[in-house]
Amino acid sequence: MSYWVEEALRGSYWAGLDWEQKGMSNGQYAIHEEAVAAGRAEERTAGLDKALELADRLVALRCEEQGGAIWSSENWRPPSPAG
């Protein structure tokens, strides 16, 4: 997941794939979105390198907390709109 978060933060072509094409579960997608949002906020104040470091730590922490977050994606639903 850190790979996809980095791709998103760098704005790569492949970052545009959807969650299913990236092989993510519901839990992994939620972690991905959280890490990308945190990374973008960090990038605004500290630059891309610090954003990547923060996002990588966050992904590792969340994946550890959720045992890899690999449960089924059959009930996937889009995230609620950010406020």
N, C-alpha and C. Protein backbone atom coordinates (compact mmCIF):
# COMPACT_ATOMS: atom_id res chain seq x y z
N MET A 1 0.81 -1.18 0.00
CA MET A 1 0.00 0.00 0.00
C MET A 1 0.85 1.25 0.00
N SER A 2 2.00 1.20 0.64
CA SER A 2 2.88 2.37 0.61
C SER A 2 3.23 2.75 -0.82
N TYR A 3 3.38 1.76 -1.67
CA TYR A 3 3.69 2.03 -3.08
C TYR A 3 2.60 2.90 -3.71
N TRP A 4 1.34 2.52 -3.52
CA TRP A 4 0.24 3.26 -4.14
C TRP A 4 0.08 4.64 -3.52
N VAL A 5 0.35 4.77 -2.24
CA VAL A 5 0.29 6.08 -1.60
C VAL A 5 1.37 6.98 -2.19
N GLU A 6 2.56 6.44 -2.34
CA GLU A 6 3.65 7.23 -2.94
C GLU A 6 3.30 7.64 -4.37
N GLU A 7 2.74 6.72 -5.13
CA GLU A 7 2.35 7.05 -6.50
C GLU A 7 1.33 8.19 -6.51
N ALA A 8 0.38 8.15 -5.60
CA ALA A 8 -0.64 9.20 -5.52
C ALA A 8 -0.02 10.54 -5.15
N LEU A 9 0.87 10.53 -4.16
CA LEU A 9 1.49 11.78 -3.73
C LEU A 9 2.40 12.37 -4.81
N ARG A 10 3.00 11.51 -5.59
CA ARG A 10 3.87 11.98 -6.68
C ARG A 10 3.06 12.35 -7.92
N GLY A 11 1.77 11.99 -7.94
CA GLY A 11 0.91 12.31 -9.06
C GLY A 11 1.23 11.50 -10.31
N SER A 12 1.67 10.26 -10.13
CA SER A 12 2.04 9.44 -11.27
C SER A 12 0.83 9.02 -12.10
N TYR A 13 1.08 8.63 -13.29
CA TYR A 13 0.04 8.15 -14.20
C TYR A 13 -0.74 7.00 -13.59
N TRP A 14 -0.03 6.06 -12.96
CA TRP A 14 -0.66 4.86 -12.40
C TRP A 14 -1.48 5.13 -11.15
N ALA A 15 -1.31 6.27 -10.56
CA ALA A 15 -2.10 6.62 -9.37
C ALA A 15 -3.58 6.71 -9.70
N GLY A 16 -3.92 6.87 -10.98
CA GLY A 16 -5.30 7.01 -11.38
C GLY A 16 -6.08 5.71 -11.45
N LEU A 17 -5.41 4.58 -11.24
CA LEU A 17 -6.13 3.31 -11.21
C LEU A 17 -7.10 3.31 -10.03
N ASP A 18 -8.21 2.59 -10.16
CA ASP A 18 -9.14 2.54 -9.03
C ASP A 18 -8.67 1.51 -8.00
N TRP A 19 -9.36 1.49 -6.88
CA TRP A 19 -8.96 0.63 -5.74
C TRP A 19 -8.93 -0.84 -6.14
N GLU A 20 -9.85 -1.24 -7.00
CA GLU A 20 -9.92 -2.64 -7.41
C GLU A 20 -8.75 -3.01 -8.32
N GLN A 21 -8.40 -2.11 -9.23
CA GLN A 21 -7.27 -2.35 -10.12
C GLN A 21 -5.96 -2.42 -9.34
N LYS A 22 -5.92 -1.75 -8.21
CA LYS A 22 -4.73 -1.78 -7.36
C LYS A 22 -4.74 -3.00 -6.44
N GLY A 23 -5.83 -3.77 -6.46
CA GLY A 23 -5.93 -4.98 -5.65
C GLY A 23 -6.14 -4.71 -4.17
N MET A 24 -6.82 -3.62 -3.85
CA MET A 24 -7.01 -3.26 -2.45
C MET A 24 -8.34 -3.79 -1.91
N SER A 25 -8.32 -4.11 -0.63
CA SER A 25 -9.55 -4.44 0.08
C SER A 25 -10.18 -3.13 0.56
N ASN A 26 -11.36 -3.24 1.14
CA ASN A 26 -12.02 -2.06 1.71
C ASN A 26 -11.12 -1.38 2.73
N GLY A 27 -10.58 -2.17 3.64
CA GLY A 27 -9.73 -1.62 4.70
C GLY A 27 -8.47 -0.99 4.16
N GLN A 28 -7.87 -1.62 3.18
CA GLN A 28 -6.66 -1.06 2.57
C GLN A 28 -6.97 0.26 1.86
N TYR A 29 -8.12 0.32 1.19
CA TYR A 29 -8.49 1.55 0.51
C TYR A 29 -8.69 2.69 1.52
N ALA A 30 -9.31 2.39 2.64
CA ALA A 30 -9.51 3.41 3.67
C ALA A 30 -8.17 3.91 4.20
N ILE A 31 -7.24 2.99 4.43
CA ILE A 31 -5.91 3.38 4.90
C ILE A 31 -5.20 4.21 3.82
N HIS A 32 -5.31 3.79 2.59
CA HIS A 32 -4.71 4.52 1.47
C HIS A 32 -5.20 5.96 1.45
N GLU A 33 -6.51 6.14 1.53
CA GLU A 33 -7.08 7.48 1.47
C GLU A 33 -6.64 8.33 2.66
N GLU A 34 -6.57 7.73 3.84
CA GLU A 34 -6.12 8.45 5.03
C GLU A 34 -4.67 8.88 4.87
N ALA A 35 -3.83 7.98 4.38
CA ALA A 35 -2.41 8.27 4.23
C ALA A 35 -2.16 9.33 3.15
N VAL A 36 -2.91 9.26 2.06
CA VAL A 36 -2.76 10.27 1.00
C VAL A 36 -3.17 11.64 1.52
N ALA A 37 -4.28 11.71 2.24
CA ALA A 37 -4.73 12.99 2.79
C ALA A 37 -3.70 13.57 3.77
N ALA A 38 -3.18 12.72 4.65
CA ALA A 38 -2.17 13.17 5.61
C ALA A 38 -0.90 13.61 4.88
N GLY A 39 -0.51 12.84 3.86
CA GLY A 39 0.68 13.19 3.10
C GLY A 39 0.53 14.51 2.37
N ARG A 40 -0.63 14.76 1.80
CA ARG A 40 -0.85 16.03 1.09
C ARG A 40 -0.81 17.21 2.05
N ALA A 41 -1.38 17.03 3.22
CA ALA A 41 -1.33 18.10 4.22
C ALA A 41 0.12 18.36 4.64
N GLU A 42 0.88 17.31 4.85
CA GLU A 42 2.28 17.44 5.25
C GLU A 42 3.09 18.09 4.13
N GLU A 43 2.80 17.74 2.91
CA GLU A 43 3.54 18.28 1.77
C GLU A 43 3.39 19.80 1.69
N ARG A 44 2.22 20.30 2.01
CA ARG A 44 2.00 21.75 1.94
C ARG A 44 2.91 22.52 2.89
N THR A 45 3.26 21.92 4.02
CA THR A 45 4.07 22.64 5.01
C THR A 45 5.53 22.19 5.06
N ALA A 46 5.80 20.93 4.68
CA ALA A 46 7.15 20.41 4.88
C ALA A 46 7.79 19.82 3.62
N GLY A 47 7.06 19.76 2.52
CA GLY A 47 7.63 19.23 1.28
C GLY A 47 7.32 17.76 1.05
N LEU A 48 7.61 17.33 -0.17
CA LEU A 48 7.26 15.98 -0.59
C LEU A 48 8.00 14.89 0.18
N ASP A 49 9.29 15.08 0.42
CA ASP A 49 10.05 14.03 1.14
C ASP A 49 9.44 13.75 2.51
N LYS A 50 9.11 14.79 3.24
CA LYS A 50 8.50 14.61 4.57
C LYS A 50 7.11 14.00 4.45
N ALA A 51 6.39 14.38 3.40
CA ALA A 51 5.06 13.82 3.17
C ALA A 51 5.15 12.32 2.93
N LEU A 52 6.12 11.90 2.14
CA LEU A 52 6.29 10.47 1.87
C LEU A 52 6.67 9.70 3.13
N GLU A 53 7.53 10.29 3.94
CA GLU A 53 7.92 9.65 5.20
C GLU A 53 6.71 9.48 6.12
N LEU A 54 5.93 10.54 6.28
CA LEU A 54 4.75 10.49 7.14
C LEU A 54 3.76 9.45 6.63
N ALA A 55 3.48 9.47 5.34
CA ALA A 55 2.52 8.53 4.77
C ALA A 55 2.98 7.09 4.94
N ASP A 56 4.26 6.84 4.76
CA ASP A 56 4.79 5.49 4.92
C ASP A 56 4.63 5.00 6.36
N ARG A 57 4.93 5.87 7.31
CA ARG A 57 4.75 5.50 8.73
C ARG A 57 3.28 5.24 9.04
N LEU A 58 2.40 6.08 8.52
CA LEU A 58 0.97 5.92 8.78
C LEU A 58 0.44 4.62 8.19
N VAL A 59 0.84 4.29 6.98
CA VAL A 59 0.42 3.03 6.36
C VAL A 59 0.89 1.85 7.20
N ALA A 60 2.14 1.86 7.61
CA ALA A 60 2.67 0.76 8.43
C ALA A 60 1.90 0.62 9.73
N LEU A 61 1.63 1.73 10.39
CA LEU A 61 0.90 1.71 11.65
C LEU A 61 -0.52 1.17 11.48
N ARG A 62 -1.24 1.70 10.50
CA ARG A 62 -2.62 1.28 10.28
C ARG A 62 -2.71 -0.19 9.84
N CYS A 63 -1.79 -0.61 9.00
CA CYS A 63 -1.80 -2.02 8.57
C CYS A 63 -1.51 -2.95 9.75
N GLU A 64 -0.60 -2.55 10.60
CA GLU A 64 -0.31 -3.35 11.79
C GLU A 64 -1.52 -3.42 12.70
N GLU A 65 -2.17 -2.29 12.92
CA GLU A 65 -3.36 -2.24 13.77
C GLU A 65 -4.48 -3.14 13.25
N GLN A 66 -4.58 -3.24 11.93
CA GLN A 66 -5.69 -3.96 11.33
C GLN A 66 -5.27 -5.29 10.71
N GLY A 67 -4.13 -5.79 11.08
CA GLY A 67 -3.70 -7.10 10.60
C GLY A 67 -3.57 -7.16 9.08
N GLY A 68 -3.16 -6.06 8.47
CA GLY A 68 -3.00 -6.01 7.03
C GLY A 68 -4.22 -5.47 6.31
N ALA A 69 -5.34 -5.36 7.00
CA ALA A 69 -6.58 -4.82 6.42
C ALA A 69 -6.94 -5.53 5.13
N ILE A 70 -6.91 -6.85 5.17
CA ILE A 70 -7.10 -7.62 3.93
C ILE A 70 -8.48 -8.27 3.82
N TRP A 71 -9.43 -7.85 4.63
CA TRP A 71 -10.75 -8.47 4.54
C TRP A 71 -11.40 -8.18 3.20
N SER A 72 -12.48 -8.85 2.93
CA SER A 72 -13.17 -8.83 1.64
C SER A 72 -13.56 -7.44 1.17
N SER A 73 -13.61 -7.32 -0.15
CA SER A 73 -14.06 -6.07 -0.76
C SER A 73 -15.45 -6.20 -1.36
N GLU A 74 -16.13 -7.29 -1.10
CA GLU A 74 -17.42 -7.50 -1.77
C GLU A 74 -18.47 -6.47 -1.38
N ASN A 75 -18.33 -5.85 -0.23
CA ASN A 75 -19.29 -4.83 0.20
C ASN A 75 -18.72 -3.44 0.11
N TRP A 76 -17.78 -3.25 -0.80
CA TRP A 76 -17.14 -1.94 -0.93
C TRP A 76 -18.17 -0.86 -1.21
N ARG A 77 -17.95 0.29 -0.65
CA ARG A 77 -18.78 1.44 -0.94
C ARG A 77 -17.85 2.65 -1.02
N PRO A 78 -18.20 3.63 -1.82
CA PRO A 78 -17.33 4.80 -1.94
C PRO A 78 -17.25 5.53 -0.61
N PRO A 79 -16.12 6.20 -0.37
CA PRO A 79 -16.01 6.95 0.88
C PRO A 79 -17.01 8.09 0.91
N SER A 80 -17.40 8.48 2.10
CA SER A 80 -18.31 9.61 2.23
C SER A 80 -17.56 10.88 1.84
N PRO A 81 -18.25 11.85 1.30
CA PRO A 81 -17.59 13.11 0.89
C PRO A 81 -16.91 13.79 2.08
N ALA A 82 -15.71 14.29 1.84
CA ALA A 82 -14.97 15.01 2.89
C ALA A 82 -15.61 16.37 3.09
N GLY A 83 -15.64 16.77 4.35
CA GLY A 83 -16.26 18.07 4.64
C GLY A 83 -15.33 19.19 4.68
